[in-house]
């Protein structure tokens, strides 16, 4: 049995690889567009917490 060595290298940017990258980019852009279309409500309540002076320590 004789082993054969493939001397031709596969192209890094073959048609399959380029098409997969383009499809992935389209899906990501489409996802950003869909997320941007959603109108999330802004919080109406103002959050304010008063800290007592007992919690503060003076550092010298």
Protein backbone atom coordinates (compact mmCIF):
# COMPACT_ATOMS: atom_id res chain seq x y z
CA UNK A 1 0.00 0.00 0.00
CA UNK A 2 1.45 3.31 -1.04
CA UNK A 3 0.74 6.59 0.72
CA UNK A 4 -0.01 9.60 -1.44
CA UNK A 5 0.66 13.14 -0.36
CA UNK A 6 -1.64 15.90 -1.47
CA UNK A 7 0.52 18.71 -2.75
CA UNK A 8 -2.24 21.16 -3.55
CA UNK A 9 -3.25 23.28 -0.58
CA UNK A 10 -6.84 24.19 0.06
CA UNK A 11 -7.59 27.83 -0.46
CA UNK A 12 -8.12 29.68 2.81
CA UNK A 13 -10.90 31.82 1.36
CA UNK A 14 -12.82 29.24 -0.59
CA UNK A 15 -16.37 29.83 -1.79
CA UNK A 16 -17.83 27.87 1.12
CA UNK A 17 -15.93 29.85 3.73
CA UNK A 18 -16.80 33.20 2.17
CA UNK A 19 -20.48 32.26 1.90
CA UNK A 20 -20.58 31.18 5.56
CA UNK A 21 -19.00 34.46 6.68
CA UNK A 22 -21.45 36.49 4.59
CA UNK A 23 -24.45 34.54 5.91
CA UNK A 24 -23.23 34.98 9.51
CA UNK A 25 -22.75 38.74 8.96
CA UNK A 26 -26.25 39.06 7.49
CA UNK A 27 -27.75 37.21 10.46
CA UNK A 28 -25.89 39.46 12.94
CA UNK A 29 -26.94 42.66 11.15
CA UNK A 30 -30.54 41.42 10.93
CA UNK A 31 -30.46 40.64 14.66
CA UNK A 32 -29.24 44.16 15.50
CA UNK A 33 -32.01 45.64 13.36
CA UNK A 34 -34.66 43.52 15.10
CA UNK A 35 -33.36 44.41 18.58
CA UNK A 36 -33.28 48.09 17.61
CA UNK A 37 -36.95 47.93 16.56
CA UNK A 38 -38.08 46.84 20.05
CA UNK A 39 -39.22 49.81 22.11
CA UNK A 40 -38.09 49.14 25.68
CA UNK A 41 -39.83 51.32 28.28
CA UNK A 42 -37.66 53.77 30.15
CA UNK A 43 -37.83 53.63 33.95
CA UNK A 44 -40.16 56.29 35.34
CA UNK A 45 -39.31 56.00 39.02
CA UNK A 46 -36.35 57.99 40.25
CA UNK A 47 -34.21 55.85 42.53
CA UNK A 48 -32.79 57.77 45.47
CA UNK A 49 -31.34 56.23 48.60
CA UNK A 50 -30.35 58.40 51.53
CA UNK A 51 -27.33 57.09 53.41
CA UNK A 52 -27.06 57.97 57.07
CA UNK A 53 -23.91 59.68 58.30
CA UNK A 54 -23.12 56.71 60.54
CA UNK A 55 -21.89 54.71 57.56
CA UNK A 56 -19.26 57.26 56.56
CA UNK A 57 -15.83 57.08 58.15
CA UNK A 58 -13.24 59.82 58.01
CA UNK A 59 -9.83 58.73 56.80
CA UNK A 60 -6.83 60.65 58.06
